[in-house]
Structure formats: C-alpha cells, structure tokens
Amino acid sequence: MIWQLLTAPLDGLVWIAEQIEERATTELEKTENLQKRLTTLQLKFDLGDISEADFITQEQEILEAMEAEMDENKE
C-alpha cells in the first residue's frame, strides 16, 4: 500500500508519456501514409495508368489532406 502511494506520481507520468507516444506515432503514420499515396499517384501518372485529369483531382485531395494534417498538428 505504501509502495503504491510512493509510486503513484511516477505511474501517472508513465501513463502520460505513453499517451504522448501513441498520439505522435498515429500522427506520423497519417503523414507517412499521405506521402506514400502521393508518391504512388505520381508513379501511376508517370506510367500512364491514370489520366492527367484523374491525377490532378487525386493529387489535390491528397495535398488538402496533408495541409489539414499540418494545420491540425500546429494546434
């Protein structure tokens, strides 16, 4: 019981650190996935698998998602 009282503040700090790590990992994965999608889209366009109009539309969607992600991370 005394041990739990002594380690409670440390346990709280560990929990906070775990939450921060989890959120940072999630945000990084989102950003990496958007970058991968953009690279894949560029390759498809370069190989002629999609039209220029489709490329422009999809590129704009991805760039908007990336911008929204950056804005969200600033807050």
PDB file of N, CA and C in Angstrom:
ATOM      1  N   MET A   1       0.821  -1.194   0.000  1.00  0.00           N
ATOM      2  CA  MET A   1       0.000   0.000   0.000  1.00  0.00           C
ATOM      3  C   MET A   1       0.863   1.256   0.000  1.00  0.00           C
ATOM      4  N   ILE A   2       1.868   1.298   0.865  1.00  0.00           N
ATOM      5  CA  ILE A   2       2.750   2.458   0.923  1.00  0.00           C
ATOM      6  C   ILE A   2       3.509   2.594  -0.393  1.00  0.00           C
ATOM      7  N   TRP A   3       3.922   1.446  -0.926  1.00  0.00           N
ATOM      8  CA  TRP A   3       4.649   1.469  -2.207  1.00  0.00           C
ATOM      9  C   TRP A   3       3.785   2.084  -3.310  1.00  0.00           C
ATOM     10  N   GLN A   4       2.534   1.746  -3.345  1.00  0.00           N
ATOM     11  CA  GLN A   4       1.619   2.311  -4.347  1.00  0.00           C
ATOM     12  C   GLN A   4       1.492   3.817  -4.175  1.00  0.00           C
ATOM     13  N   LEU A   5       1.430   4.287  -2.966  1.00  0.00           N
ATOM     14  CA  LEU A   5       1.347   5.726  -2.720  1.00  0.00           C
ATOM     15  C   LEU A   5       2.616   6.451  -3.165  1.00  0.00           C
ATOM     16  N   LEU A   6       3.745   5.800  -2.971  1.00  0.00           N
ATOM     17  CA  LEU A   6       5.013   6.412  -3.355  1.00  0.00           C
ATOM     18  C   LEU A   6       5.217   6.425  -4.871  1.00  0.00           C
ATOM     19  N   THR A   7       4.713   5.410  -5.547  1.00  0.00           N
ATOM     20  CA  THR A   7       4.938   5.312  -6.997  1.00  0.00           C
ATOM     21  C   THR A   7       3.789   5.885  -7.821  1.00  0.00           C
ATOM     22  N   ALA A   8       2.713   6.322  -7.196  1.00  0.00           N
ATOM     23  CA  ALA A   8       1.560   6.856  -7.935  1.00  0.00           C
ATOM     24  C   ALA A   8       1.937   8.022  -8.847  1.00  0.00           C
ATOM     25  N   PRO A   9       2.710   9.000  -8.386  1.00  0.00           N
ATOM     26  CA  PRO A   9       3.089  10.093  -9.300  1.00  0.00           C
ATOM     27  C   PRO A   9       3.896   9.589 -10.498  1.00  0.00           C
ATOM     28  N   LEU A  10       4.775   8.638 -10.262  1.00  0.00           N
ATOM     29  CA  LEU A  10       5.572   8.077 -11.348  1.00  0.00           C
ATOM     30  C   LEU A  10       4.682   7.318 -12.334  1.00  0.00           C
ATOM     31  N   ASP A  11       3.738   6.573 -11.807  1.00  0.00           N
ATOM     32  CA  ASP A  11       2.804   5.848 -12.672  1.00  0.00           C
ATOM     33  C   ASP A  11       2.016   6.815 -13.553  1.00  0.00           C
ATOM     34  N   GLY A  12       1.631   7.944 -12.978  1.00  0.00           N
ATOM     35  CA  GLY A  12       0.912   8.957 -13.751  1.00  0.00           C
ATOM     36  C   GLY A  12       1.769   9.527 -14.867  1.00  0.00           C
ATOM     37  N   LEU A  13       3.035   9.791 -14.570  1.00  0.00           N
ATOM     38  CA  LEU A  13       3.952  10.306 -15.597  1.00  0.00           C
ATOM     39  C   LEU A  13       4.183   9.282 -16.702  1.00  0.00           C
ATOM     40  N   VAL A  14       4.300   8.030 -16.340  1.00  0.00           N
ATOM     41  CA  VAL A  14       4.473   6.973 -17.340  1.00  0.00           C
ATOM     42  C   VAL A  14       3.249   6.895 -18.232  1.00  0.00           C
ATOM     43  N   TRP A  15       2.071   6.991 -17.641  1.00  0.00           N
ATOM     44  CA  TRP A  15       0.841   6.941 -18.427  1.00  0.00           C
ATOM     45  C   TRP A  15       0.786   8.111 -19.414  1.00  0.00           C
ATOM     46  N   ILE A  16       1.135   9.314 -18.946  1.00  0.00           N
ATOM     47  CA  ILE A  16       1.135  10.492 -19.816  1.00  0.00           C
ATOM     48  C   ILE A  16       2.135  10.306 -20.960  1.00  0.00           C
ATOM     49  N   ALA A  17       3.317   9.800 -20.654  1.00  0.00           N
ATOM     50  CA  ALA A  17       4.333   9.570 -21.685  1.00  0.00           C
ATOM     51  C   ALA A  17       3.840   8.560 -22.718  1.00  0.00           C
ATOM     52  N   GLU A  18       3.164   7.521 -22.272  1.00  0.00           N
ATOM     53  CA  GLU A  18       2.617   6.525 -23.194  1.00  0.00           C
ATOM     54  C   GLU A  18       1.556   7.138 -24.110  1.00  0.00           C
ATOM     55  N   GLN A  19       0.722   7.998 -23.555  1.00  0.00           N
ATOM     56  CA  GLN A  19      -0.315   8.658 -24.353  1.00  0.00           C
ATOM     57  C   GLN A  19       0.307   9.567 -25.411  1.00  0.00           C
ATOM     58  N   ILE A  20       1.340  10.305 -25.021  1.00  0.00           N
ATOM     59  CA  ILE A  20       2.030  11.191 -25.961  1.00  0.00           C
ATOM     60  C   ILE A  20       2.676  10.381 -27.074  1.00  0.00           C
ATOM     61  N   GLU A  21       3.323   9.298 -26.707  1.00  0.00           N
ATOM     62  CA  GLU A  21       3.976   8.438 -27.705  1.00  0.00           C
ATOM     63  C   GLU A  21       2.947   7.862 -28.680  1.00  0.00           C
ATOM     64  N   GLU A  22       1.833   7.408 -28.161  1.00  0.00           N
ATOM     65  CA  GLU A  22       0.785   6.825 -29.008  1.00  0.00           C
ATOM     66  C   GLU A  22       0.240   7.857 -29.997  1.00  0.00           C
ATOM     67  N   ARG A  23       0.000   9.059 -29.515  1.00  0.00           N
ATOM     68  CA  ARG A  23      -0.532  10.107 -30.396  1.00  0.00           C
ATOM     69  C   ARG A  23       0.492  10.514 -31.452  1.00  0.00           C
ATOM     70  N   ALA A  24       1.744  10.646 -31.056  1.00  0.00           N
ATOM     71  CA  ALA A  24       2.795  11.018 -32.002  1.00  0.00           C
ATOM     72  C   ALA A  24       2.961   9.951 -33.072  1.00  0.00           C
ATOM     73  N   THR A  25       2.902   8.699 -32.689  1.00  0.00           N
ATOM     74  CA  THR A  25       3.019   7.596 -33.646  1.00  0.00           C
ATOM     75  C   THR A  25       1.860   7.619 -34.628  1.00  0.00           C
ATOM     76  N   THR A  26       0.666   7.858 -34.143  1.00  0.00           N
ATOM     77  CA  THR A  26      -0.515   7.919 -35.005  1.00  0.00           C
ATOM     78  C   THR A  26      -0.392   9.057 -36.012  1.00  0.00           C
ATOM     79  N   GLU A  27       0.033  10.213 -35.550  1.00  0.00           N
ATOM     80  CA  GLU A  27       0.178  11.374 -36.436  1.00  0.00           C
ATOM     81  C   GLU A  27       1.251  11.127 -37.489  1.00  0.00           C
ATOM     82  N   LEU A  28       2.350  10.506 -37.090  1.00  0.00           N
ATOM     83  CA  LEU A  28       3.431  10.206 -38.024  1.00  0.00           C
ATOM     84  C   LEU A  28       2.961   9.225 -39.086  1.00  0.00           C
ATOM     85  N   GLU A  29       2.207   8.213 -38.674  1.00  0.00           N
ATOM     86  CA  GLU A  29       1.695   7.228 -39.627  1.00  0.00           C
ATOM     87  C   GLU A  29       0.744   7.877 -40.632  1.00  0.00           C
ATOM     88  N   LYS A  30      -0.097   8.803 -40.166  1.00  0.00           N
ATOM     89  CA  LYS A  30      -1.003   9.501 -41.081  1.00  0.00           C
ATOM     90  C   LYS A  30      -0.213  10.271 -42.135  1.00  0.00           C
ATOM     91  N   THR A  31       0.794  11.011 -41.688  1.00  0.00           N
ATOM     92  CA  THR A  31       1.605  11.818 -42.598  1.00  0.00           C
ATOM     93  C   THR A  31       2.354  10.925 -43.581  1.00  0.00           C
ATOM     94  N   GLU A  32       2.939   9.841 -43.083  1.00  0.00           N
ATOM     95  CA  GLU A  32       3.671   8.926 -43.955  1.00  0.00           C
ATOM     96  C   GLU A  32       2.744   8.294 -44.979  1.00  0.00           C
ATOM     97  N   ASN A  33       1.544   7.927 -44.567  1.00  0.00           N
ATOM     98  CA  ASN A  33       0.594   7.318 -45.498  1.00  0.00           C
ATOM     99  C   ASN A  33       0.197   8.292 -46.602  1.00  0.00           C
ATOM    100  N   LEU A  34       0.001   9.556 -46.257  1.00  0.00           N
ATOM    101  CA  LEU A  34      -0.343  10.552 -47.272  1.00  0.00           C
ATOM    102  C   LEU A  34       0.815  10.737 -48.249  1.00  0.00           C
ATOM    103  N   GLN A  35       2.034  10.753 -47.737  1.00  0.00           N
ATOM    104  CA  GLN A  35       3.195  10.888 -48.609  1.00  0.00           C
ATOM    105  C   GLN A  35       3.334   9.677 -49.530  1.00  0.00           C
ATOM    106  N   LYS A  36       3.080   8.499 -49.014  1.00  0.00           N
ATOM    107  CA  LYS A  36       3.128   7.280 -49.827  1.00  0.00           C
ATOM    108  C   LYS A  36       2.055   7.310 -50.907  1.00  0.00           C
ATOM    109  N   ARG A  37       0.863   7.765 -50.548  1.00  0.00           N
ATOM    110  CA  ARG A  37      -0.217   7.859 -51.537  1.00  0.00           C
ATOM    111  C   ARG A  37       0.153   8.825 -52.652  1.00  0.00           C
ATOM    112  N   LEU A  38       0.772   9.939 -52.287  1.00  0.00           N
ATOM    113  CA  LEU A  38       1.170  10.924 -53.287  1.00  0.00           C
ATOM    114  C   LEU A  38       2.244  10.357 -54.210  1.00  0.00           C
ATOM    115  N   THR A  39       3.199   9.654 -53.649  1.00  0.00           N
ATOM    116  CA  THR A  39       4.250   9.034 -54.462  1.00  0.00           C
ATOM    117  C   THR A  39       3.672   7.974 -55.392  1.00  0.00           C
ATOM    118  N   THR A  40       2.778   7.167 -54.878  1.00  0.00           N
ATOM    119  CA  THR A  40       2.132   6.128 -55.692  1.00  0.00           C
ATOM    120  C   THR A  40       1.327   6.761 -56.823  1.00  0.00           C
ATOM    121  N   LEU A  41       0.626   7.819 -56.516  1.00  0.00           N
ATOM    122  CA  LEU A  41      -0.160   8.527 -57.530  1.00  0.00           C
ATOM    123  C   LEU A  41       0.744   9.060 -58.633  1.00  0.00           C
ATOM    124  N   GLN A  42       1.875   9.644 -58.249  1.00  0.00           N
ATOM    125  CA  GLN A  42       2.822  10.182 -59.233  1.00  0.00           C
ATOM    126  C   GLN A  42       3.357   9.064 -60.127  1.00  0.00           C
ATOM    127  N   LEU A  43       3.666   7.925 -59.540  1.00  0.00           N
ATOM    128  CA  LEU A  43       4.151   6.787 -60.331  1.00  0.00           C
ATOM    129  C   LEU A  43       3.093   6.295 -61.310  1.00  0.00           C
ATOM    130  N   LYS A  44       1.859   6.216 -60.850  1.00  0.00           N
ATOM    131  CA  LYS A  44       0.783   5.784 -61.745  1.00  0.00           C
ATOM    132  C   LYS A  44       0.632   6.733 -62.925  1.00  0.00           C
ATOM    133  N   PHE A  45       0.735   8.023 -62.642  1.00  0.00           N
ATOM    134  CA  PHE A  45       0.633   9.015 -63.708  1.00  0.00           C
ATOM    135  C   PHE A  45       1.814   8.902 -64.674  1.00  0.00           C
ATOM    136  N   ASP A  46       3.014   8.771 -64.121  1.00  0.00           N
ATOM    137  CA  ASP A  46       4.204   8.649 -64.951  1.00  0.00           C
ATOM    138  C   ASP A  46       4.174   7.411 -65.841  1.00  0.00           C
ATOM    139  N   LEU A  47       3.565   6.346 -65.344  1.00  0.00           N
ATOM    140  CA  LEU A  47       3.473   5.102 -66.116  1.00  0.00           C
ATOM    141  C   LEU A  47       2.282   5.091 -67.064  1.00  0.00           C
ATOM    142  N   GLY A  48       1.462   6.124 -66.997  1.00  0.00           N
ATOM    143  CA  GLY A  48       0.306   6.217 -67.877  1.00  0.00           C
ATOM    144  C   GLY A  48      -0.889   5.413 -67.419  1.00  0.00           C
ATOM    145  N   ASP A  49      -0.893   5.021 -66.157  1.00  0.00           N
ATOM    146  CA  ASP A  49      -2.005   4.223 -65.633  1.00  0.00           C
ATOM    147  C   ASP A  49      -3.239   5.059 -65.340  1.00  0.00           C
ATOM    148  N   ILE A  50      -3.059   6.377 -65.140  1.00  0.00           N
ATOM    149  CA  ILE A  50      -4.197   7.259 -64.905  1.00  0.00           C
ATOM    150  C   ILE A  50      -4.058   8.500 -65.783  1.00  0.00           C
ATOM    151  N   SER A  51      -5.184   9.113 -66.049  1.00  0.00           N
ATOM    152  CA  SER A  51      -5.181  10.312 -66.892  1.00  0.00           C
ATOM    153  C   SER A  51      -4.700  11.524 -66.093  1.00  0.00           C
ATOM    154  N   GLU A  52      -4.378  12.576 -66.819  1.00  0.00           N
ATOM    155  CA  GLU A  52      -3.924  13.797 -66.157  1.00  0.00           C
ATOM    156  C   GLU A  52      -5.030  14.390 -65.298  1.00  0.00           C
ATOM    157  N   ALA A  53      -6.260  14.332 -65.793  1.00  0.00           N
ATOM    158  CA  ALA A  53      -7.386  14.873 -65.025  1.00  0.00           C
ATOM    159  C   ALA A  53      -7.562  14.120 -63.709  1.00  0.00           C
ATOM    160  N   ASP A  54      -7.474  12.773 -63.765  1.00  0.00           N
ATOM    161  CA  ASP A  54      -7.572  11.975 -62.539  1.00  0.00           C
ATOM    162  C   ASP A  54      -6.411  12.284 -61.597  1.00  0.00           C
ATOM    163  N   PHE A  55      -5.229  12.423 -62.178  1.00  0.00           N
ATOM    164  CA  PHE A  55      -4.054  12.743 -61.367  1.00  0.00           C
ATOM    165  C   PHE A  55      -4.247  14.059 -60.629  1.00  0.00           C
ATOM    166  N   ILE A  56      -4.681  15.077 -61.336  1.00  0.00           N
ATOM    167  CA  ILE A  56      -4.859  16.399 -60.738  1.00  0.00           C
ATOM    168  C   ILE A  56      -5.902  16.349 -59.625  1.00  0.00           C
ATOM    169  N   THR A  57      -7.004  15.674 -59.873  1.00  0.00           N
ATOM    170  CA  THR A  57      -8.071  15.562 -58.871  1.00  0.00           C
ATOM    171  C   THR A  57      -7.575  14.852 -57.615  1.00  0.00           C
ATOM    172  N   GLN A  58      -6.943  13.705 -57.808  1.00  0.00           N
ATOM    173  CA  GLN A  58      -6.476  12.926 -56.661  1.00  0.00           C
ATOM    174  C   GLN A  58      -5.325  13.624 -55.935  1.00  0.00           C
ATOM    175  N   GLU A  59      -4.448  14.254 -56.710  1.00  0.00           N
ATOM    176  CA  GLU A  59      -3.345  14.986 -56.100  1.00  0.00           C
ATOM    177  C   GLU A  59      -3.876  16.102 -55.204  1.00  0.00           C
ATOM    178  N   GLN A  60      -4.865  16.814 -55.689  1.00  0.00           N
ATOM    179  CA  GLN A  60      -5.452  17.910 -54.910  1.00  0.00           C
ATOM    180  C   GLN A  60      -6.051  17.392 -53.607  1.00  0.00           C
ATOM    181  N   GLU A  61      -6.734  16.252 -53.668  1.00  0.00           N
ATOM    182  CA  GLU A  61      -7.327  15.665 -52.462  1.00  0.00           C
ATOM    183  C   GLU A  61      -6.253  15.315 -51.439  1.00  0.00           C
ATOM    184  N   ILE A  62      -5.174  14.711 -51.911  1.00  0.00           N
ATOM    185  CA  ILE A  62      -4.098  14.310 -51.009  1.00  0.00           C
ATOM    186  C   ILE A  62      -3.417  15.539 -50.414  1.00  0.00           C
ATOM    187  N   LEU A  63      -3.146  16.537 -51.247  1.00  0.00           N
ATOM    188  CA  LEU A  63      -2.495  17.749 -50.753  1.00  0.00           C
ATOM    189  C   LEU A  63      -3.363  18.481 -49.737  1.00  0.00           C
ATOM    190  N   GLU A  64      -4.667  18.492 -49.965  1.00  0.00           N
ATOM    191  CA  GLU A  64      -5.576  19.110 -48.999  1.00  0.00           C
ATOM    192  C   GLU A  64      -5.562  18.346 -47.675  1.00  0.00           C
ATOM    193  N   ALA A  65      -5.515  17.016 -47.764  1.00  0.00           N
ATOM    194  CA  ALA A  65      -5.455  16.203 -46.548  1.00  0.00           C
ATOM    195  C   ALA A  65      -4.148  16.449 -45.807  1.00  0.00           C
ATOM    196  N   MET A  66      -3.051  16.597 -46.550  1.00  0.00           N
ATOM    197  CA  MET A  66      -1.753  16.881 -45.926  1.00  0.00           C
ATOM    198  C   MET A  66      -1.766  18.256 -45.256  1.00  0.00           C
ATOM    199  N   GLU A  67      -2.367  19.219 -45.916  1.00  0.00           N
ATOM    200  CA  GLU A  67      -2.449  20.572 -45.355  1.00  0.00           C
ATOM    201  C   GLU A  67      -3.299  20.571 -44.085  1.00  0.00           C
ATOM    202  N   ALA A  68      -4.411  19.853 -44.123  1.00  0.00           N
ATOM    203  CA  ALA A  68      -5.280  19.762 -42.943  1.00  0.00           C
ATOM    204  C   ALA A  68      -4.529  19.094 -41.792  1.00  0.00           C
ATOM    205  N   GLU A  69      -3.746  18.092 -42.113  1.00  0.00           N
ATOM    206  CA  GLU A  69      -2.955  17.393 -41.098  1.00  0.00           C
ATOM    207  C   GLU A  69      -1.923  18.328 -40.472  1.00  0.00           C
ATOM    208  N   MET A  70      -1.270  19.130 -41.295  1.00  0.00           N
ATOM    209  CA  MET A  70      -0.277  20.083 -40.778  1.00  0.00           C
ATOM    210  C   MET A  70      -0.947  21.145 -39.913  1.00  0.00           C
ATOM    211  N   ASP A  71      -2.109  21.631 -40.351  1.00  0.00           N
ATOM    212  CA  ASP A  71      -2.841  22.627 -39.568  1.00  0.00           C
ATOM    213  C   ASP A  71      -3.270  22.045 -38.219  1.00  0.00           C
ATOM    214  N   GLU A  72      -3.697  20.798 -38.245  1.00  0.00           N
ATOM    215  CA  GLU A  72      -4.132  20.143 -37.013  1.00  0.00           C
ATOM    216  C   GLU A  72      -2.964  19.971 -36.049  1.00  0.00           C
ATOM    217  N   ASN A  73      -1.793  19.678 -36.594  1.00  0.00           N
ATOM    218  CA  ASN A  73      -0.612  19.473 -35.738  1.00  0.00           C
ATOM    219  C   ASN A  73      -0.109  20.786 -35.150  1.00  0.00           C
ATOM    220  N   LYS A  74      -0.405  21.921 -35.782  1.00  0.00           N
ATOM    221  CA  LYS A  74       0.029  23.204 -35.260  1.00  0.00           C
ATOM    222  C   LYS A  74      -0.746  23.583 -34.011  1.00  0.00           C
ATOM    223  N   GLU A  75      -1.964  23.116 -33.906  1.00  0.00           N
ATOM    224  CA  GLU A  75      -2.830  23.490 -32.785  1.00  0.00           C
ATOM    225  C   GLU A  75      -2.485  22.757 -31.534  1.00  0.00           C
TER     226      GLU A  75
END
